[in-house]
Protein backbone atom coordinates (compact mmCIF):
# COMPACT_ATOMS: atom_id res chain seq x y z
CA MET A 1 -11.29 -7.83 9.58
CA LEU A 2 -12.29 -6.29 12.86
CA THR A 3 -10.35 -3.40 14.34
CA ASN A 4 -7.94 -5.05 16.74
CA LEU A 5 -8.03 -4.66 20.52
CA LYS A 6 -5.23 -2.13 20.49
CA GLY A 7 -7.23 0.06 18.17
CA ALA A 8 -10.33 -0.39 20.29
CA LEU A 9 -8.52 0.67 23.43
CA SER A 10 -6.95 3.62 21.64
CA GLY A 11 -10.42 4.68 20.57
CA ALA A 12 -11.61 4.34 24.15
CA ALA A 13 -8.73 6.50 25.37
CA ILE A 14 -9.61 9.19 22.85
CA ALA A 15 -13.25 9.00 23.89
CA LEU A 16 -12.31 9.26 27.56
CA ALA A 17 -10.33 12.36 26.84
CA SER A 18 -13.27 13.80 24.93
CA LEU A 19 -15.50 13.43 27.97
CA SER A 20 -13.93 16.58 29.36
CA ILE A 21 -16.06 18.56 26.91
CA PHE A 22 -19.08 17.69 29.02
CA THR A 23 -17.71 19.30 32.19
CA THR A 24 -19.13 22.73 31.45
CA ALA A 25 -22.51 21.34 30.38
CA ALA A 26 -22.71 19.15 33.48
CA ALA A 27 -21.90 22.09 35.74
CA ALA A 28 -24.61 24.15 34.09
CA GLN A 29 -27.18 21.42 34.65
CA ASN A 30 -26.21 21.16 38.33
CA ALA A 31 -28.04 24.45 38.78
CA GLY A 32 -31.26 22.43 38.86
CA CYS A 33 -30.33 21.12 42.33
CA ALA A 34 -31.34 23.49 45.12
CA GLY A 35 -29.70 21.53 47.93
CA PRO A 36 -26.67 19.36 48.73
CA LEU A 37 -25.90 16.30 46.63
CA ARG A 38 -26.92 12.95 48.11
CA LYS A 39 -24.27 10.23 47.76
CA ILE A 40 -25.41 6.80 46.58
CA ASN A 41 -23.94 3.81 44.75
CA VAL A 42 -25.40 2.95 41.36
CA GLY A 43 -24.63 -0.52 40.06
CA VAL A 44 -23.89 -1.70 36.53
CA SER A 45 -24.60 -5.37 35.87
CA VAL A 46 -21.53 -6.04 33.73
CA SER A 47 -17.85 -5.10 33.92
CA PRO A 48 -17.04 -3.43 31.60
CA PRO A 49 -20.59 -2.39 30.74
CA ASN A 50 -22.39 -3.14 27.51
CA VAL A 51 -23.90 -0.32 25.48
CA VAL A 52 -27.36 -0.94 26.91
CA HIS A 53 -26.02 -0.39 30.43
CA THR A 54 -24.45 3.00 29.70
CA THR A 55 -27.52 4.99 30.73
CA ILE A 56 -25.88 5.39 34.13
CA TYR A 57 -22.72 6.87 32.61
CA VAL A 58 -24.73 9.20 30.38
CA ALA A 59 -26.60 10.44 33.46
CA LYS A 60 -23.35 10.94 35.37
CA GLU A 61 -21.17 12.46 32.63
CA LEU A 62 -23.86 14.87 31.41
CA GLY A 63 -24.69 16.10 34.90
CA LEU A 64 -28.19 14.63 35.02
CA PHE A 65 -27.64 12.94 38.38
CA ALA A 66 -26.24 16.17 39.82
CA LYS A 67 -29.18 18.09 38.36
CA HIS A 68 -31.42 15.95 40.56
CA CYS A 69 -29.18 16.33 43.64
CA ILE A 70 -27.51 12.92 43.33
CA ASP A 71 -23.79 12.21 43.67
CA ALA A 72 -23.62 8.81 41.99
CA ASN A 73 -20.72 6.44 42.63
CA VAL A 74 -20.88 3.91 39.80
CA ILE A 75 -19.86 0.36 40.71
CA GLN A 76 -19.66 -2.62 38.38
CA PHE A 77 -20.84 -6.16 39.11
CA ASP A 78 -20.11 -9.39 37.29
CA GLY A 79 -23.75 -10.15 36.55
CA GLY A 80 -26.97 -8.57 37.78
CA SER A 81 -27.84 -11.64 39.83
CA SER A 82 -24.33 -12.05 41.27
CA PRO A 83 -23.94 -12.40 45.05
CA ALA A 84 -22.16 -9.05 45.23
CA ALA A 85 -25.08 -7.29 43.55
CA SER A 86 -27.58 -8.93 45.88
CA VAL A 87 -25.55 -7.97 48.96
CA ALA A 88 -25.29 -4.35 47.79
CA LEU A 89 -29.02 -4.18 47.24
CA SER A 90 -29.78 -5.71 50.62
CA GLN A 91 -27.53 -3.18 52.37
CA GLY A 92 -29.71 -0.36 51.06
CA ASN A 93 -26.89 1.84 49.78
CA THR A 94 -27.11 0.93 46.10
CA PHE A 95 -29.49 1.31 43.17
CA ALA A 96 -29.05 -1.77 40.99
CA THR A 97 -30.89 -4.24 38.81
CA VAL A 98 -33.70 -5.95 40.74
CA ASN A 99 -35.21 -9.23 39.54
CA ASP A 100 -38.63 -10.64 40.43
CA TYR A 101 -37.14 -13.88 41.74
CA GLN A 102 -34.98 -11.97 44.22
CA ILE A 103 -38.21 -10.59 45.68
CA GLY A 104 -39.81 -14.04 45.53
CA ARG A 105 -36.90 -15.38 47.55
CA GLY A 106 -37.49 -12.83 50.27
CA MET A 107 -35.18 -9.92 49.45
CA LYS A 108 -36.63 -6.61 50.67
CA VAL A 109 -36.14 -4.75 47.40
CA LYS A 110 -38.39 -3.36 44.69
CA GLN A 111 -38.10 -2.19 41.11
CA VAL A 112 -38.66 1.53 40.60
CA TRP A 113 -37.89 2.01 36.89
CA GLY A 114 -37.49 -0.15 33.80
CA MET A 115 -34.29 0.91 32.05
CA ALA A 116 -34.53 -1.61 29.19
CA PRO A 117 -37.82 -3.56 29.25
CA LYS A 118 -36.94 -5.62 26.16
CA ALA A 119 -33.89 -7.86 25.90
CA PRO A 120 -31.33 -6.42 23.43
CA GLN A 121 -29.19 -9.52 22.91
CA ALA A 122 -28.84 -12.02 20.09
CA TYR A 123 -28.17 -15.70 20.76
CA VAL A 124 -24.98 -16.26 18.76
CA VAL A 125 -23.80 -19.79 18.02
CA SER A 126 -20.90 -21.65 16.45
CA GLU A 127 -20.89 -22.74 12.83
CA ALA A 128 -21.97 -26.27 13.78
CA VAL A 129 -25.28 -25.04 15.19
CA LYS A 130 -27.90 -24.55 12.50
CA THR A 131 -31.07 -25.17 14.53
CA PHE A 132 -32.09 -25.30 18.17
CA THR A 133 -31.86 -29.09 18.02
CA ASP A 134 -28.13 -28.75 17.25
CA LEU A 135 -27.59 -27.30 20.73
CA LYS A 136 -27.76 -30.81 22.16
CA GLY A 137 -24.39 -31.77 23.62
CA LYS A 138 -22.93 -28.33 23.03
CA ARG A 139 -21.14 -26.04 25.47
CA LEU A 140 -23.33 -23.08 26.35
CA SER A 141 -22.42 -20.00 28.32
CA ALA A 142 -23.51 -19.44 31.92
CA ALA A 143 -21.60 -16.17 32.19
CA GLY A 144 -22.17 -13.76 35.02
CA GLY A 145 -23.16 -16.02 37.88
CA GLY A 146 -23.42 -19.62 36.65
CA VAL A 147 -26.72 -21.37 37.30
CA GLY A 148 -29.44 -18.74 37.51
CA SER A 149 -27.49 -16.11 35.58
CA PHE A 150 -29.02 -14.35 32.59
CA ASN A 151 -26.99 -16.33 30.06
CA TRP A 152 -27.91 -19.59 31.76
CA ARG A 153 -31.59 -18.62 31.52
CA ILE A 154 -31.38 -17.76 27.84
CA GLY A 155 -29.49 -20.97 27.07
CA ARG A 156 -32.18 -22.91 28.89
CA GLU A 157 -34.86 -21.16 26.82
CA ALA A 158 -33.03 -21.88 23.56
CA LEU A 159 -32.79 -25.57 24.48
CA SER A 160 -36.50 -25.69 25.26
CA LYS A 161 -37.34 -24.63 21.69
CA ALA A 162 -36.16 -28.09 20.60
CA GLY A 163 -37.69 -29.90 23.56
CA LEU A 164 -34.31 -30.11 25.27
CA THR A 165 -33.44 -29.44 28.91
CA ILE A 166 -30.40 -28.07 30.70
CA ASP A 167 -29.18 -31.67 31.08
CA ASP A 168 -28.82 -31.90 27.28
CA ALA A 169 -25.99 -29.36 27.16
CA GLN A 170 -22.94 -28.40 29.15
CA PHE A 171 -23.10 -24.98 30.76
CA ILE A 172 -19.78 -23.20 31.19
CA SER A 173 -19.45 -20.67 34.01
CA GLN A 174 -17.31 -17.69 33.11
CA GLY A 175 -16.97 -13.99 33.77
CA THR A 176 -19.19 -11.75 31.70
CA ALA A 177 -16.11 -10.27 30.02
CA GLY A 178 -15.27 -13.74 28.63
CA ARG A 179 -18.45 -14.22 26.60
CA LEU A 180 -17.20 -12.80 23.32
CA ALA A 181 -13.67 -14.20 23.57
CA GLY A 182 -14.96 -17.62 24.58
CA LEU A 183 -17.21 -17.88 21.56
CA VAL A 184 -14.57 -16.69 19.10
CA ALA A 185 -12.00 -19.09 20.60
CA GLY A 186 -14.38 -22.04 20.31
CA GLN A 187 -14.63 -22.58 24.07
CA ILE A 188 -18.41 -22.25 23.94
CA ASP A 189 -20.97 -22.91 21.22
CA GLY A 190 -23.77 -20.60 22.27
CA VAL A 191 -24.04 -17.34 24.17
CA ALA A 192 -26.38 -14.38 24.42
CA LEU A 193 -24.38 -11.40 23.19
CA HIS A 194 -25.25 -7.74 23.24
CA PRO A 195 -25.49 -6.14 19.77
CA GLU A 196 -22.00 -4.64 19.82
CA ASP A 197 -20.48 -7.99 20.81
CA ALA A 198 -22.50 -9.92 18.23
CA PHE A 199 -21.20 -7.47 15.64
CA LEU A 200 -17.61 -7.99 16.77
CA ALA A 201 -17.89 -11.78 17.06
CA ILE A 202 -19.21 -12.27 13.53
CA LYS A 203 -16.59 -9.92 12.09
CA GLN A 204 -13.82 -11.80 13.88
CA LYS A 205 -15.16 -15.24 12.98
CA PRO A 206 -17.56 -15.12 10.00
CA GLY A 207 -18.75 -18.72 10.59
CA LEU A 208 -20.58 -17.59 13.71
CA ARG A 209 -24.26 -16.81 13.27
CA ILE A 210 -27.26 -15.42 15.10
CA LEU A 211 -29.61 -18.29 15.93
CA SER A 212 -32.30 -16.02 17.35
CA GLN A 213 -32.86 -12.65 18.90
CA VAL A 214 -33.46 -13.05 22.62
CA ALA A 215 -36.55 -10.84 22.30
CA ASP A 216 -37.95 -13.42 19.87
CA LEU A 217 -37.11 -16.30 22.21
CA MET A 218 -38.84 -14.53 25.10
CA PRO A 219 -41.00 -11.67 23.74
CA LEU A 220 -42.47 -10.73 27.12
CA TYR A 221 -39.34 -11.18 29.20
CA ALA A 222 -38.67 -8.11 31.39
CA PHE A 223 -34.95 -7.56 30.87
CA ASN A 224 -33.60 -4.77 33.08
CA ALA A 225 -35.28 -2.76 35.82
CA TYR A 226 -33.54 -0.72 38.48
CA GLY A 227 -34.57 -0.87 42.11
CA ILE A 228 -33.44 -0.40 45.67
CA ALA A 229 -34.18 -1.65 49.18
CA THR A 230 -37.77 -1.09 50.31
CA ASP A 231 -36.48 0.64 53.45
CA VAL A 232 -34.99 3.39 51.31
CA ILE A 233 -38.25 3.76 49.37
CA ALA A 234 -40.20 4.10 52.62
CA LYS A 235 -37.79 6.56 54.26
CA ASP A 236 -36.75 8.73 51.33
CA ARG A 237 -39.25 8.43 48.50
CA ALA A 238 -38.37 11.83 46.99
CA PHE A 239 -34.75 10.73 46.61
CA VAL A 240 -35.80 7.60 44.72
CA VAL A 241 -38.04 9.70 42.46
CA ASN A 242 -35.06 11.95 41.72
CA PHE A 243 -33.01 8.92 40.70
CA VAL A 244 -35.73 7.81 38.28
CA ALA A 245 -35.99 11.29 36.79
CA ALA A 246 -32.25 11.45 36.12
CA MET A 247 -32.27 8.05 34.45
CA VAL A 248 -35.32 8.87 32.33
CA GLU A 249 -33.61 12.02 31.10
CA ALA A 250 -30.48 10.00 30.28
CA ASN A 251 -32.42 7.48 28.18
CA ARG A 252 -34.18 10.26 26.31
CA THR A 253 -30.83 11.88 25.60
CA ILE A 254 -29.60 8.57 24.19
CA TYR A 255 -32.42 8.61 21.63
CA ARG A 256 -32.22 12.31 20.83
CA ASP A 257 -28.50 13.12 20.79
CA LYS A 258 -26.40 10.37 19.25
CA ASP A 259 -23.34 12.58 18.83
CA LYS A 260 -23.33 13.46 22.52
CA VAL A 261 -23.74 9.94 23.90
CA ILE A 262 -21.66 7.82 21.53
CA PRO A 263 -18.29 9.08 22.89
CA ILE A 264 -19.44 8.20 26.42
CA MET A 265 -20.53 4.74 25.29
CA VAL A 266 -17.26 4.09 23.47
CA ALA A 267 -15.20 5.16 26.45
CA MET A 268 -17.11 3.13 29.02
CA THR A 269 -17.59 -0.06 27.03
CA GLN A 270 -14.06 0.01 25.58
CA LYS A 271 -15.47 -1.16 22.27
CA PRO A 272 -14.74 0.14 18.74
CA ARG A 273 -16.93 3.02 17.65
CA GLU A 274 -18.33 1.08 14.69
CA ALA A 275 -19.61 -1.63 17.03
CA VAL A 276 -21.07 0.89 19.47
CA GLU A 277 -22.82 2.78 16.68
CA TYR A 278 -24.24 -0.51 15.39
CA ALA A 279 -25.58 -1.26 18.87
CA TRP A 280 -27.04 2.24 19.24
CA GLU A 281 -28.80 1.98 15.88
CA THR A 282 -30.08 -1.54 16.60
CA MET A 283 -31.41 -0.71 20.04
CA THR A 284 -32.99 2.66 19.28
CA LYS A 285 -34.77 1.14 16.29
CA ALA A 286 -36.06 -1.75 18.45
CA CYS A 287 -37.11 0.56 21.35
CA ILE A 288 -34.87 -1.35 23.77
CA TRP A 289 -34.29 1.60 26.10
CA SER A 290 -37.39 2.99 27.79
CA VAL A 291 -38.40 6.63 27.39
CA ASN A 292 -40.98 6.65 30.19
CA GLU A 293 -41.64 4.28 33.11
CA GLY A 294 -40.36 1.22 31.26
CA PHE A 295 -43.16 -0.76 32.88
CA ASP A 296 -45.67 -3.14 31.33
CA PRO A 297 -47.70 -5.19 33.86
CA GLN A 298 -48.18 -7.99 31.33
CA ARG A 299 -44.43 -8.25 30.80
CA THR A 300 -43.75 -8.27 34.55
CA GLN A 301 -46.43 -10.92 35.17
CA TRP A 302 -45.10 -13.13 32.38
CA THR A 303 -41.60 -12.93 33.81
CA ILE A 304 -42.80 -13.78 37.32
CA ASP A 305 -44.73 -16.80 36.05
CA HIS A 306 -41.86 -17.94 33.85
CA ASP A 307 -39.29 -17.72 36.63
CA ALA A 308 -41.54 -19.53 39.11
CA ALA A 309 -42.31 -22.32 36.63
CA ALA A 310 -38.58 -22.70 35.96
CA GLY A 311 -37.85 -23.22 39.64
CA ASP A 312 -36.14 -19.90 40.27
CA MET A 313 -38.44 -19.38 43.24
CA ASP A 314 -41.15 -21.26 45.11
CA PRO A 315 -44.34 -21.07 42.97
CA ASP A 316 -46.34 -20.70 46.20
CA LYS A 317 -44.33 -17.60 47.09
CA LYS A 318 -44.17 -15.80 43.78
CA PRO A 319 -44.79 -12.07 44.22
CA ALA A 320 -47.60 -10.06 42.72
CA VAL A 321 -46.81 -7.46 40.06
CA ASP A 322 -47.23 -4.57 42.51
CA GLN A 323 -44.79 -6.25 44.90
CA VAL A 324 -42.17 -6.31 42.15
CA PHE A 325 -42.58 -2.89 40.51
CA ASP A 326 -43.50 0.44 42.12
CA LYS A 327 -45.37 2.08 39.26
CA GLU A 328 -46.23 5.19 41.29
CA ILE A 329 -42.57 6.06 41.87
CA ALA A 330 -41.81 5.39 38.21
CA ALA A 331 -44.67 7.67 37.17
CA ASP A 332 -43.55 10.43 39.52
CA GLY A 333 -40.01 10.15 38.17
CA VAL A 334 -41.32 10.52 34.61
CA ALA A 335 -43.34 13.56 35.69
CA ALA A 336 -40.21 15.09 37.23
CA ALA A 337 -38.41 14.52 33.93
CA GLY A 338 -41.06 16.54 32.06
CA GLY A 339 -43.88 14.07 31.60
CA ARG A 340 -44.51 11.16 29.25
CA VAL A 341 -43.18 11.33 25.68
CA THR A 342 -42.91 9.28 22.53
CA ILE A 343 -39.55 9.26 20.74
CA ALA A 344 -39.07 7.61 17.34
CA GLY A 345 -42.19 5.54 17.97
CA CYS A 346 -40.96 4.34 21.37
CA SER A 347 -43.33 5.00 24.26
CA LEU A 348 -42.78 2.40 27.00
């Protein structure tokens, strides 16, 4: 059986304590900054974060933000498309996940770096669901923002594989933290879970199964790209480039130094180490995290077209790829991080 919650939290406490070992290393890396630190909020799409979202914490705990003259205040949202996240982006004081449909709806924001171009999740279902057709009449998760949220979108895509629509299932709005517990308790029958949560769910309730990997449901879906208000890009481009460089270095550290990043991931996700290590292994093998710009114009265009066709924005107002993603800033950030690389076969 799965390590219980008490054990998981104890492990997190130990990991938090172990973070102090990075203090000296972080201070040493701060020497790369020749001027004062610039304060900025950096958003995480889920509270507590999933393993894929921990790039921010790796950058902060290992001194990579400070190295690039950034004093990052990490804030957590309940879904990347939540109203709170959109307000923070619009105010111009926060780097956070930016979606193409936000831009299509008129938000003055732009993506500057693709943290995780490919979706890492698995669509995990109850024992009664053997095929996509079996989703009819079932309760599916709409965690993290209800209609329009990531889970709602993936549930809609899963239904479409059997020719079903959102009217053929019941979508349950819930906080992102309730996804795993809701599935195990039988409150929902289908939910997109991050690798560590899929691992935990199936261990807790062996009848659960993975119906599909989200990346197989939507192979060209652009999962997670960070951005900021266009005003900030126009007024302080060098600062935005520094942010990208710090994040690129963090992702590369994730691939190259498992022993250094796993304690940070355990502490921040509050998940058992075995689940976090499973997620790390799954995602590094699948090249989920980017190692360079994290940008593929075909992937961005597919996502724009998909979201417009699904009614997430007016098809007559869908943005062009270069309105969504600033590839020049991403490229300059990669250059500031030492140039393009390939790690373990991953090159995006």
